[in-house]
Amino acid sequence: MAVSKEKKQELVADYREKLEHSQAVILTNYQGLNVAQISELRNRLRAVGTGYQVIKNTLLRLALQEAKLPPLDMLLEEPTAIGFCYQEVPPAAQVLIGFTREASTLRLKGGLLGHRLLTTEDISQLASLPSREVLLAQILTALQSPMGRLVNVLSGPMRGFITVLKARADQLASAER
């Protein structure tokens, strides 16, 4: 069944809008997955703020062009499904990498992070990043550590002075006996 020109224009506009609102997009070859597997993958991705949609390559090319994003011609030669990462990218990459292990027919093709092209290796590296909360905790620890050492250094002379006074007080107390 042929899709009308108006419907194609609507789809391109929808794809462009999704591309503009996504922090990253990850392209996959979904061939070989059954409907139940695609539904399961969609549910897992939805839980981490990512939409997953089977997409026509020619319409995606037009949407990328309209959104002024780099062309992904080398990735658009096989059937394509795309993950639109609306929130954090690492959890979406983790879900997709994990699902490729479960369903060997799903294959990562690459993607975009902003205007930067992503290879499958880049996506694997994104998946290995810790969560946002862990990264924030690591930054906070790194910021607190020098301050704690500074406080320790600055309070050192005061501690030394108090130790000397206490020793002198003990010396005077023992001399009075």
N, C-alpha and C. Protein backbone atom coordinates (compact mmCIF):
# COMPACT_ATOMS: atom_id res chain seq x y z
N MET A 1 0.85 -1.18 0.00
CA MET A 1 0.00 0.00 0.00
C MET A 1 0.89 1.24 0.00
N ALA A 2 0.71 2.09 -0.95
CA ALA A 2 1.52 3.30 -1.09
C ALA A 2 1.08 4.35 -0.07
N VAL A 3 2.05 5.08 0.43
CA VAL A 3 1.78 6.14 1.38
C VAL A 3 1.68 7.45 0.60
N SER A 4 0.66 8.24 0.91
CA SER A 4 0.45 9.48 0.18
C SER A 4 1.56 10.48 0.49
N LYS A 5 1.70 11.44 -0.40
CA LYS A 5 2.74 12.47 -0.24
C LYS A 5 2.52 13.27 1.04
N GLU A 6 1.26 13.57 1.35
CA GLU A 6 0.95 14.33 2.57
C GLU A 6 1.35 13.55 3.82
N LYS A 7 1.07 12.24 3.80
CA LYS A 7 1.43 11.39 4.94
C LYS A 7 2.94 11.33 5.11
N LYS A 8 3.67 11.24 3.99
CA LYS A 8 5.13 11.23 4.05
C LYS A 8 5.66 12.54 4.62
N GLN A 9 5.05 13.66 4.23
CA GLN A 9 5.47 14.96 4.76
C GLN A 9 5.21 15.05 6.26
N GLU A 10 4.08 14.49 6.70
CA GLU A 10 3.78 14.45 8.14
C GLU A 10 4.81 13.61 8.89
N LEU A 11 5.16 12.46 8.31
CA LEU A 11 6.15 11.59 8.94
C LEU A 11 7.51 12.27 9.03
N VAL A 12 7.93 12.94 7.95
CA VAL A 12 9.22 13.64 7.95
C VAL A 12 9.20 14.74 9.02
N ALA A 13 8.12 15.48 9.12
CA ALA A 13 8.01 16.53 10.14
C ALA A 13 8.06 15.93 11.54
N ASP A 14 7.40 14.79 11.73
CA ASP A 14 7.42 14.11 13.03
C ASP A 14 8.83 13.65 13.36
N TYR A 15 9.52 13.04 12.41
CA TYR A 15 10.88 12.58 12.62
C TYR A 15 11.81 13.76 12.93
N ARG A 16 11.64 14.85 12.18
CA ARG A 16 12.49 16.03 12.41
C ARG A 16 12.29 16.56 13.84
N GLU A 17 11.04 16.63 14.26
CA GLU A 17 10.76 17.10 15.61
C GLU A 17 11.39 16.19 16.66
N LYS A 18 11.29 14.88 16.45
CA LYS A 18 11.89 13.93 17.39
C LYS A 18 13.41 14.07 17.39
N LEU A 19 14.01 14.27 16.22
CA LEU A 19 15.46 14.46 16.14
C LEU A 19 15.88 15.72 16.89
N GLU A 20 15.11 16.78 16.76
CA GLU A 20 15.46 18.05 17.41
C GLU A 20 15.32 17.97 18.93
N HIS A 21 14.41 17.13 19.42
CA HIS A 21 14.20 17.02 20.87
C HIS A 21 15.04 15.93 21.52
N SER A 22 15.77 15.18 20.72
CA SER A 22 16.58 14.07 21.24
C SER A 22 17.99 14.55 21.55
N GLN A 23 18.54 14.05 22.66
CA GLN A 23 19.94 14.31 22.97
C GLN A 23 20.83 13.47 22.06
N ALA A 24 20.34 12.30 21.70
CA ALA A 24 21.08 11.40 20.81
C ALA A 24 20.09 10.50 20.11
N VAL A 25 20.52 9.92 19.01
CA VAL A 25 19.74 8.89 18.33
C VAL A 25 20.67 7.70 18.06
N ILE A 26 20.12 6.51 18.24
CA ILE A 26 20.89 5.30 18.01
C ILE A 26 20.13 4.46 16.98
N LEU A 27 20.81 4.12 15.90
CA LEU A 27 20.20 3.37 14.82
C LEU A 27 20.55 1.89 14.95
N THR A 28 19.55 1.05 14.68
CA THR A 28 19.74 -0.39 14.75
C THR A 28 19.17 -1.05 13.51
N ASN A 29 19.64 -2.25 13.24
CA ASN A 29 19.04 -3.11 12.23
C ASN A 29 18.20 -4.11 13.01
N TYR A 30 16.90 -4.04 12.84
CA TYR A 30 15.97 -4.84 13.62
C TYR A 30 15.58 -6.14 12.92
N GLN A 31 16.09 -6.38 11.72
CA GLN A 31 15.71 -7.56 10.95
C GLN A 31 15.91 -8.82 11.78
N GLY A 32 14.91 -9.66 11.78
CA GLY A 32 15.00 -10.93 12.51
C GLY A 32 14.30 -10.89 13.85
N LEU A 33 13.95 -9.71 14.33
CA LEU A 33 13.22 -9.62 15.59
C LEU A 33 11.74 -9.83 15.31
N ASN A 34 11.07 -10.55 16.20
CA ASN A 34 9.63 -10.70 16.04
C ASN A 34 8.92 -9.56 16.78
N VAL A 35 7.63 -9.49 16.64
CA VAL A 35 6.85 -8.39 17.21
C VAL A 35 6.98 -8.38 18.73
N ALA A 36 6.98 -9.53 19.36
CA ALA A 36 7.09 -9.60 20.82
C ALA A 36 8.44 -9.04 21.28
N GLN A 37 9.51 -9.35 20.56
CA GLN A 37 10.83 -8.84 20.94
C GLN A 37 10.91 -7.32 20.76
N ILE A 38 10.36 -6.82 19.66
CA ILE A 38 10.38 -5.36 19.45
C ILE A 38 9.56 -4.67 20.52
N SER A 39 8.43 -5.24 20.90
CA SER A 39 7.60 -4.66 21.96
C SER A 39 8.35 -4.65 23.29
N GLU A 40 9.04 -5.74 23.59
CA GLU A 40 9.83 -5.81 24.83
C GLU A 40 10.93 -4.76 24.82
N LEU A 41 11.61 -4.61 23.70
CA LEU A 41 12.67 -3.60 23.58
C LEU A 41 12.10 -2.20 23.74
N ARG A 42 10.96 -1.94 23.12
CA ARG A 42 10.32 -0.62 23.26
C ARG A 42 9.98 -0.33 24.72
N ASN A 43 9.45 -1.33 25.41
CA ASN A 43 9.10 -1.13 26.82
C ASN A 43 10.33 -0.82 27.67
N ARG A 44 11.41 -1.54 27.44
CA ARG A 44 12.64 -1.30 28.20
C ARG A 44 13.19 0.10 27.91
N LEU A 45 13.16 0.50 26.64
CA LEU A 45 13.67 1.81 26.27
C LEU A 45 12.76 2.93 26.79
N ARG A 46 11.46 2.70 26.77
CA ARG A 46 10.52 3.70 27.29
C ARG A 46 10.79 3.97 28.77
N ALA A 47 11.18 2.93 29.50
CA ALA A 47 11.47 3.07 30.94
C ALA A 47 12.66 4.00 31.19
N VAL A 48 13.55 4.16 30.21
CA VAL A 48 14.72 5.05 30.38
C VAL A 48 14.58 6.33 29.54
N GLY A 49 13.35 6.64 29.12
CA GLY A 49 13.11 7.89 28.41
C GLY A 49 13.55 7.89 26.96
N THR A 50 13.41 6.75 26.30
CA THR A 50 13.82 6.64 24.91
C THR A 50 12.68 6.05 24.09
N GLY A 51 12.40 6.67 22.96
CA GLY A 51 11.42 6.13 22.03
C GLY A 51 12.13 5.25 21.01
N TYR A 52 11.46 4.23 20.52
CA TYR A 52 12.05 3.32 19.54
C TYR A 52 11.05 3.13 18.43
N GLN A 53 11.47 3.39 17.20
CA GLN A 53 10.54 3.38 16.09
C GLN A 53 11.21 2.83 14.83
N VAL A 54 10.47 1.96 14.13
CA VAL A 54 10.91 1.50 12.82
C VAL A 54 10.66 2.66 11.87
N ILE A 55 11.63 2.93 11.01
CA ILE A 55 11.59 4.14 10.21
C ILE A 55 12.03 3.85 8.78
N LYS A 56 11.46 4.57 7.83
CA LYS A 56 11.89 4.43 6.44
C LYS A 56 13.14 5.26 6.23
N ASN A 57 14.15 4.64 5.64
CA ASN A 57 15.45 5.30 5.46
C ASN A 57 15.34 6.59 4.64
N THR A 58 14.55 6.58 3.58
CA THR A 58 14.45 7.79 2.74
C THR A 58 13.80 8.94 3.52
N LEU A 59 12.82 8.63 4.34
CA LEU A 59 12.17 9.68 5.13
C LEU A 59 13.11 10.20 6.22
N LEU A 60 13.91 9.30 6.80
CA LEU A 60 14.89 9.73 7.80
C LEU A 60 15.95 10.63 7.17
N ARG A 61 16.37 10.32 5.95
CA ARG A 61 17.33 11.19 5.26
C ARG A 61 16.77 12.60 5.11
N LEU A 62 15.51 12.69 4.72
CA LEU A 62 14.87 14.01 4.56
C LEU A 62 14.76 14.73 5.91
N ALA A 63 14.39 14.00 6.96
CA ALA A 63 14.26 14.61 8.29
C ALA A 63 15.62 15.10 8.79
N LEU A 64 16.67 14.33 8.58
CA LEU A 64 18.02 14.75 8.98
C LEU A 64 18.42 16.02 8.23
N GLN A 65 18.09 16.06 6.96
CA GLN A 65 18.42 17.24 6.15
C GLN A 65 17.66 18.47 6.66
N GLU A 66 16.37 18.31 6.96
CA GLU A 66 15.57 19.42 7.46
C GLU A 66 16.04 19.89 8.84
N ALA A 67 16.50 18.96 9.67
CA ALA A 67 16.98 19.29 11.01
C ALA A 67 18.42 19.80 11.00
N LYS A 68 19.02 19.86 9.81
CA LYS A 68 20.41 20.32 9.64
C LYS A 68 21.39 19.48 10.45
N LEU A 69 21.15 18.16 10.41
CA LEU A 69 22.03 17.21 11.07
C LEU A 69 22.86 16.49 10.01
N PRO A 70 24.00 15.92 10.41
CA PRO A 70 24.84 15.22 9.42
C PRO A 70 24.08 14.07 8.77
N PRO A 71 24.32 13.84 7.50
CA PRO A 71 23.67 12.71 6.83
C PRO A 71 24.24 11.39 7.36
N LEU A 72 23.42 10.40 7.43
CA LEU A 72 23.83 9.09 7.93
C LEU A 72 23.71 8.05 6.82
N ASP A 73 24.04 8.46 5.59
CA ASP A 73 23.83 7.59 4.43
C ASP A 73 24.47 6.22 4.59
N MET A 74 25.67 6.16 5.20
CA MET A 74 26.34 4.86 5.33
C MET A 74 25.62 3.94 6.32
N LEU A 75 24.76 4.52 7.18
CA LEU A 75 24.02 3.70 8.14
C LEU A 75 22.62 3.36 7.65
N LEU A 76 22.20 3.97 6.56
CA LEU A 76 20.82 3.82 6.10
C LEU A 76 20.73 2.94 4.86
N GLU A 77 21.41 1.82 4.88
CA GLU A 77 21.37 0.92 3.74
C GLU A 77 20.57 -0.35 4.03
N GLU A 78 20.26 -0.62 5.26
CA GLU A 78 19.50 -1.79 5.66
C GLU A 78 18.25 -1.30 6.39
N PRO A 79 17.31 -2.20 6.69
CA PRO A 79 16.15 -1.78 7.47
C PRO A 79 16.59 -1.14 8.78
N THR A 80 15.94 -0.06 9.15
CA THR A 80 16.40 0.74 10.28
C THR A 80 15.28 0.96 11.29
N ALA A 81 15.65 0.82 12.55
CA ALA A 81 14.81 1.27 13.66
C ALA A 81 15.70 2.22 14.45
N ILE A 82 15.08 3.26 14.99
CA ILE A 82 15.87 4.31 15.63
C ILE A 82 15.39 4.53 17.05
N GLY A 83 16.36 4.70 17.94
CA GLY A 83 16.07 5.03 19.34
C GLY A 83 16.29 6.51 19.53
N PHE A 84 15.23 7.23 19.90
CA PHE A 84 15.31 8.67 20.17
C PHE A 84 15.53 8.85 21.67
N CYS A 85 16.72 9.25 22.08
CA CYS A 85 17.07 9.40 23.50
C CYS A 85 16.64 10.79 23.98
N TYR A 86 15.49 10.86 24.62
CA TYR A 86 14.97 12.14 25.08
C TYR A 86 15.59 12.55 26.41
N GLN A 87 16.06 11.60 27.19
CA GLN A 87 16.68 11.90 28.47
C GLN A 87 18.15 11.54 28.41
N GLU A 88 18.64 10.80 29.37
CA GLU A 88 20.05 10.44 29.39
C GLU A 88 20.37 9.38 28.34
N VAL A 89 21.53 9.50 27.74
CA VAL A 89 21.93 8.60 26.67
C VAL A 89 22.50 7.27 27.20
N PRO A 90 23.37 7.26 28.23
CA PRO A 90 23.96 5.99 28.68
C PRO A 90 22.95 4.89 29.03
N PRO A 91 21.85 5.20 29.74
CA PRO A 91 20.91 4.11 30.03
C PRO A 91 20.29 3.51 28.76
N ALA A 92 20.01 4.35 27.76
CA ALA A 92 19.46 3.83 26.50
C ALA A 92 20.48 2.95 25.80
N ALA A 93 21.74 3.38 25.80
CA ALA A 93 22.80 2.58 25.19
C ALA A 93 22.95 1.25 25.93
N GLN A 94 22.83 1.28 27.26
CA GLN A 94 22.94 0.05 28.04
C GLN A 94 21.82 -0.93 27.69
N VAL A 95 20.59 -0.40 27.55
CA VAL A 95 19.45 -1.26 27.20
C VAL A 95 19.67 -1.89 25.83
N LEU A 96 20.09 -1.08 24.87
CA LEU A 96 20.29 -1.60 23.51
C LEU A 96 21.43 -2.62 23.46
N ILE A 97 22.53 -2.34 24.13
CA ILE A 97 23.66 -3.29 24.17
C ILE A 97 23.20 -4.59 24.83
N GLY A 98 22.48 -4.46 25.95
CA GLY A 98 21.99 -5.66 26.63
C GLY A 98 21.05 -6.47 25.76
N PHE A 99 20.20 -5.78 25.01
CA PHE A 99 19.24 -6.50 24.17
C PHE A 99 19.93 -7.17 22.99
N THR A 100 21.04 -6.60 22.51
CA THR A 100 21.78 -7.26 21.42
C THR A 100 22.37 -8.58 21.90
N ARG A 101 22.65 -8.66 23.20
CA ARG A 101 23.17 -9.92 23.75
C ARG A 101 22.06 -10.96 23.86
N GLU A 102 20.85 -10.50 24.19
CA GLU A 102 19.71 -11.41 24.33
C GLU A 102 19.19 -11.86 22.95
N ALA A 103 19.05 -10.91 22.05
CA ALA A 103 18.53 -11.20 20.72
C ALA A 103 19.64 -10.91 19.71
N SER A 104 20.33 -11.93 19.32
CA SER A 104 21.51 -11.75 18.48
C SER A 104 21.17 -11.16 17.11
N THR A 105 19.91 -11.14 16.74
CA THR A 105 19.54 -10.59 15.44
C THR A 105 19.50 -9.06 15.45
N LEU A 106 19.34 -8.44 16.62
CA LEU A 106 19.38 -6.98 16.71
C LEU A 106 20.84 -6.55 16.59
N ARG A 107 21.08 -5.57 15.72
CA ARG A 107 22.45 -5.12 15.49
C ARG A 107 22.52 -3.61 15.52
N LEU A 108 23.44 -3.08 16.30
CA LEU A 108 23.66 -1.62 16.34
C LEU A 108 24.33 -1.19 15.05
N LYS A 109 23.91 -0.03 14.55
CA LYS A 109 24.49 0.49 13.31
C LYS A 109 25.34 1.73 13.58
N GLY A 110 24.94 2.54 14.53
CA GLY A 110 25.62 3.80 14.83
C GLY A 110 24.60 4.81 15.31
N GLY A 111 24.95 6.09 15.24
CA GLY A 111 24.00 7.10 15.68
C GLY A 111 24.58 8.49 15.65
N LEU A 112 23.88 9.37 16.35
CA LEU A 112 24.28 10.78 16.48
C LEU A 112 24.16 11.20 17.93
N LEU A 113 25.15 11.94 18.39
CA LEU A 113 25.10 12.58 19.69
C LEU A 113 25.28 14.06 19.40
N GLY A 114 24.17 14.80 19.39
CA GLY A 114 24.22 16.17 18.90
C GLY A 114 24.48 16.12 17.41
N HIS A 115 25.58 16.73 16.98
CA HIS A 115 25.98 16.70 15.57
C HIS A 115 27.13 15.74 15.34
N ARG A 116 27.52 14.98 16.35
CA ARG A 116 28.66 14.07 16.25
C ARG A 116 28.18 12.67 15.89
N LEU A 117 28.80 12.10 14.88
CA LEU A 117 28.48 10.73 14.48
C LEU A 117 29.00 9.75 15.53
N LEU A 118 28.21 8.74 15.83
CA LEU A 118 28.61 7.71 16.78
C LEU A 118 28.81 6.39 16.05
N THR A 119 29.89 5.72 16.38
CA THR A 119 30.11 4.37 15.88
C THR A 119 29.55 3.39 16.90
N THR A 120 29.56 2.12 16.56
CA THR A 120 29.09 1.12 17.52
C THR A 120 30.01 1.08 18.75
N GLU A 121 31.31 1.36 18.55
CA GLU A 121 32.25 1.40 19.68
C GLU A 121 31.91 2.58 20.60
N ASP A 122 31.54 3.72 20.02
CA ASP A 122 31.15 4.89 20.81
C ASP A 122 29.92 4.56 21.66
N ILE A 123 28.98 3.86 21.07
CA ILE A 123 27.76 3.49 21.80
C ILE A 123 28.11 2.55 22.94
N SER A 124 29.03 1.63 22.71
CA SER A 124 29.47 0.72 23.79
C SER A 124 30.14 1.50 24.91
N GLN A 125 30.94 2.51 24.56
CA GLN A 125 31.57 3.33 25.59
C GLN A 125 30.54 4.13 26.36
N LEU A 126 29.52 4.65 25.67
CA LEU A 126 28.44 5.36 26.37
C LEU A 126 27.73 4.43 27.35
N ALA A 127 27.53 3.19 26.94
CA ALA A 127 26.85 2.22 27.80
C ALA A 127 27.67 1.90 29.04
N SER A 128 28.99 2.04 28.96
CA SER A 128 29.84 1.71 30.11
C SER A 128 29.96 2.87 31.09
N LEU A 129 29.43 4.04 30.74
CA LEU A 129 29.49 5.18 31.65
C LEU A 129 28.59 4.92 32.86
N PRO A 130 29.02 5.39 34.03
CA PRO A 130 28.14 5.25 35.20
C PRO A 130 26.94 6.18 35.07
N SER A 131 25.96 5.95 35.91
CA SER A 131 24.75 6.77 35.87
C SER A 131 25.05 8.21 36.28
N ARG A 132 24.13 9.08 36.02
CA ARG A 132 24.29 10.51 36.32
C ARG A 132 24.52 10.72 37.83
N GLU A 133 23.79 9.98 38.64
CA GLU A 133 23.92 10.12 40.09
C GLU A 133 25.31 9.73 40.56
N VAL A 134 25.84 8.65 40.00
CA VAL A 134 27.19 8.21 40.37
C VAL A 134 28.22 9.25 39.93
N LEU A 135 28.08 9.78 38.73
CA LEU A 135 29.01 10.81 38.25
C LEU A 135 28.96 12.06 39.13
N LEU A 136 27.76 12.47 39.53
CA LEU A 136 27.63 13.63 40.42
C LEU A 136 28.28 13.36 41.78
N ALA A 137 28.11 12.15 42.30
CA ALA A 137 28.74 11.80 43.57
C ALA A 137 30.26 11.82 43.45
N GLN A 138 30.79 11.34 42.32
CA GLN A 138 32.24 11.36 42.12
C GLN A 138 32.76 12.79 42.03
N ILE A 139 32.03 13.66 41.36
CA ILE A 139 32.44 15.06 41.27
C ILE A 139 32.41 15.72 42.64
N LEU A 140 31.35 15.46 43.40
CA LEU A 140 31.24 16.03 44.74
C LEU A 140 32.39 15.56 45.63
N THR A 141 32.74 14.29 45.56
CA THR A 141 33.86 13.76 46.34
C THR A 141 35.16 14.44 45.92
N ALA A 142 35.35 14.60 44.63
CA ALA A 142 36.57 15.26 44.14
C ALA A 142 36.65 16.70 44.59
N LEU A 143 35.50 17.37 44.68
CA LEU A 143 35.50 18.76 45.14
C LEU A 143 35.70 18.86 46.65
N GLN A 144 35.15 17.92 47.41
CA GLN A 144 35.24 17.97 48.86
C GLN A 144 36.63 17.59 49.37
N SER A 145 37.32 16.71 48.70
CA SER A 145 38.60 16.21 49.16
C SER A 145 39.63 17.32 49.38
N PRO A 146 39.88 18.21 48.43
CA PRO A 146 40.85 19.28 48.67
C PRO A 146 40.43 20.22 49.81
N MET A 147 39.14 20.46 49.92
CA MET A 147 38.67 21.34 51.00
C MET A 147 38.91 20.70 52.36
N GLY A 148 38.68 19.40 52.45
CA GLY A 148 38.92 18.70 53.71
C GLY A 148 40.39 18.72 54.10
N ARG A 149 41.26 18.55 53.10
CA ARG A 149 42.70 18.60 53.38
C ARG A 149 43.12 20.01 53.79
N LEU A 150 42.54 21.02 53.16
CA LEU A 150 42.86 22.41 53.52
C LEU A 150 42.46 22.70 54.97
N VAL A 151 41.27 22.27 55.35
CA VAL A 151 40.82 22.46 56.73
C VAL A 151 41.77 21.75 57.69
N ASN A 152 42.20 20.56 57.34
CA ASN A 152 43.12 19.80 58.18
C ASN A 152 44.45 20.54 58.32
N VAL A 153 44.98 21.07 57.22
CA VAL A 153 46.25 21.80 57.25
C VAL A 153 46.12 23.07 58.08
N LEU A 154 45.02 23.79 57.89
CA LEU A 154 44.84 25.04 58.62
C LEU A 154 44.60 24.82 60.11
N SER A 155 44.00 23.71 60.46
CA SER A 155 43.75 23.45 61.89
C SER A 155 44.94 22.79 62.57
N GLY A 156 45.95 22.36 61.81
CA GLY A 156 47.14 21.71 62.38
C GLY A 156 47.89 22.57 63.38
N PRO A 157 48.22 23.81 63.06
CA PRO A 157 48.93 24.65 64.04
C PRO A 157 48.13 24.87 65.33
N MET A 158 46.82 25.01 65.17
CA MET A 158 45.97 25.20 66.36
C MET A 158 46.01 23.96 67.24
N ARG A 159 45.94 22.77 66.63
CA ARG A 159 46.02 21.52 67.39
C ARG A 159 47.37 21.41 68.09
N GLY A 160 48.43 21.78 67.36
CA GLY A 160 49.77 21.74 67.96
C GLY A 160 49.88 22.68 69.15
N PHE A 161 49.33 23.86 69.02
CA PHE A 161 49.37 24.85 70.11
C PHE A 161 48.60 24.33 71.32
N ILE A 162 47.44 23.74 71.09
CA ILE A 162 46.64 23.20 72.19
C ILE A 162 47.37 22.04 72.86
N THR A 163 48.05 21.21 72.09
CA THR A 163 48.81 20.09 72.64
C THR A 163 49.95 20.60 73.52
N VAL A 164 50.62 21.65 73.08
CA VAL A 164 51.71 22.24 73.87
C VAL A 164 51.16 22.81 75.17
N LEU A 165 50.02 23.54 75.11
CA LEU A 165 49.42 24.10 76.32
C LEU A 165 49.00 23.00 77.30
N LYS A 166 48.41 21.92 76.79
CA LYS A 166 47.99 20.83 77.67
C LYS A 166 49.21 20.17 78.32
N ALA A 167 50.28 19.98 77.55
CA ALA A 167 51.50 19.39 78.11
C ALA A 167 52.07 20.29 79.19
N ARG A 168 52.09 21.60 78.98
CA ARG A 168 52.59 22.55 79.98
C ARG A 168 51.71 22.53 81.22
N ALA A 169 50.37 22.45 81.02
CA ALA A 169 49.46 22.39 82.16
C ALA A 169 49.69 21.12 82.97
N ASP A 170 49.91 19.99 82.29
CA ASP A 170 50.19 18.74 82.99
C ASP A 170 51.52 18.82 83.73
N GLN A 171 52.51 19.50 83.13
CA GLN A 171 53.82 19.64 83.75
C GLN A 171 53.70 20.49 85.04
N LEU A 172 52.94 21.57 84.98
CA LEU A 172 52.76 22.42 86.15
C LEU A 172 51.97 21.70 87.23
N ALA A 173 50.99 20.91 86.83
CA ALA A 173 50.18 20.17 87.80
C ALA A 173 51.02 19.13 88.51
N SER A 174 51.91 18.46 87.79
CA SER A 174 52.74 17.44 88.43
C SER A 174 53.82 18.09 89.30
N ALA A 175 54.24 19.33 89.01
CA ALA A 175 55.26 20.02 89.79
C ALA A 175 54.66 20.50 91.12
N GLU A 176 53.39 20.80 91.17
CA GLU A 176 52.72 21.26 92.39
C GLU A 176 52.54 20.13 93.37
N ARG A 177 52.55 18.90 92.96
CA ARG A 177 52.32 17.79 93.87
C ARG A 177 53.54 17.46 94.59
